[in-house]
Amino acid sequence: MEPQAEETNTTGYDVIIPDEVKYCPYNGTYQDMINKAYEMDDKKIMKALIEYRDDMINHNKLLFYPEQLSHTSGATVN
């Protein structure tokens, strides 16, 4: 029997929660958990939390402000 594939991003809009974030030993907001991971010198957890937080920020921008992503700069054309 072949091994099962990991969860796939079927819609292109989902952000998969890494196991390091799912089972993070720290409590609080993402910033609190990042700070605690930094204090504990837990680089693996800190990296996963930062990447997931940034992915969620970009995900929300894509869902709620897609028109802003289509512009490459803030310059106006006359």
Protein backbone atom coordinates (compact mmCIF):
# COMPACT_ATOMS: atom_id res chain seq x y z
CA MET A 1 0.00 0.00 0.00
CA GLU A 2 1.34 3.43 -0.90
CA PRO A 3 1.82 6.06 1.81
CA GLN A 4 -0.91 8.67 2.03
CA ALA A 5 -0.07 12.09 0.68
CA GLU A 6 -0.07 14.99 3.07
CA GLU A 7 -2.90 17.50 3.00
CA THR A 8 -2.91 19.44 -0.21
CA ASN A 9 -3.96 22.99 -0.80
CA THR A 10 -6.95 22.29 -3.03
CA THR A 11 -8.38 25.77 -3.34
CA GLY A 12 -5.21 27.83 -3.46
CA TYR A 13 -6.55 29.99 -0.65
CA ASP A 14 -6.01 27.72 2.34
CA VAL A 15 -3.04 28.08 4.65
CA ILE A 16 -1.96 24.76 6.13
CA ILE A 17 -1.08 24.95 9.82
CA PRO A 18 2.35 23.39 10.40
CA ASP A 19 2.61 20.82 13.21
CA GLU A 20 5.07 23.11 15.03
CA VAL A 21 2.30 25.72 15.22
CA LYS A 22 -0.51 23.24 15.96
CA TYR A 23 1.32 21.74 18.89
CA CYS A 24 3.20 24.83 20.02
CA PRO A 25 4.06 24.56 23.72
CA TYR A 26 3.57 28.30 24.27
CA ASN A 27 0.31 30.16 24.92
CA GLY A 28 -1.03 33.56 23.93
CA THR A 29 -1.16 35.51 20.72
CA TYR A 30 1.15 34.63 17.86
CA GLN A 31 3.41 37.50 18.89
CA ASP A 32 3.46 36.20 22.50
CA MET A 33 4.36 32.71 21.27
CA ILE A 34 7.08 34.10 18.97
CA ASN A 35 8.53 36.10 21.85
CA LYS A 36 8.49 33.06 24.16
CA ALA A 37 10.15 30.89 21.49
CA TYR A 38 12.81 33.60 21.13
CA GLU A 39 13.36 33.69 24.90
CA MET A 40 13.65 29.89 24.98
CA ASP A 41 15.98 29.92 21.92
CA ASP A 42 13.53 27.58 20.16
CA LYS A 43 14.41 28.50 16.59
CA LYS A 44 12.33 25.78 14.90
CA ILE A 45 9.10 26.87 16.62
CA MET A 46 9.91 30.56 16.20
CA LYS A 47 10.52 30.14 12.45
CA ALA A 48 7.29 28.15 11.99
CA LEU A 49 5.25 30.74 13.94
CA ILE A 50 6.68 33.68 12.00
CA GLU A 51 6.15 32.00 8.63
CA TYR A 52 2.60 30.96 9.53
CA ARG A 53 1.73 34.44 10.84
CA ASP A 54 3.08 36.04 7.65
CA ASP A 55 1.25 33.50 5.47
CA MET A 56 -2.01 34.31 7.26
CA ILE A 57 -1.47 38.05 6.80
CA ASN A 58 -0.90 37.50 3.07
CA HIS A 59 -3.90 35.14 2.96
CA ASN A 60 -6.16 37.82 4.45
CA LYS A 61 -4.84 40.43 2.03
CA LEU A 62 -5.60 38.10 -0.86
CA LEU A 63 -9.14 37.41 0.36
CA PHE A 64 -10.17 40.90 1.46
CA TYR A 65 -8.05 43.22 -0.71
CA PRO A 66 -7.33 41.39 -3.99
CA GLU A 67 -7.38 44.62 -6.00
CA GLN A 68 -4.31 45.87 -4.11
CA LEU A 69 -2.31 42.82 -5.16
CA SER A 70 -2.86 43.51 -8.86
CA HIS A 71 -0.92 46.79 -8.71
CA THR A 72 2.84 46.56 -8.86
CA SER A 73 3.49 50.01 -7.42
CA GLY A 74 1.74 52.95 -5.87
CA ALA A 75 2.53 55.21 -8.81
CA THR A 76 -0.33 56.64 -10.82
CA VAL A 77 -0.44 56.79 -14.59
CA ASN A 78 -1.34 60.10 -16.24
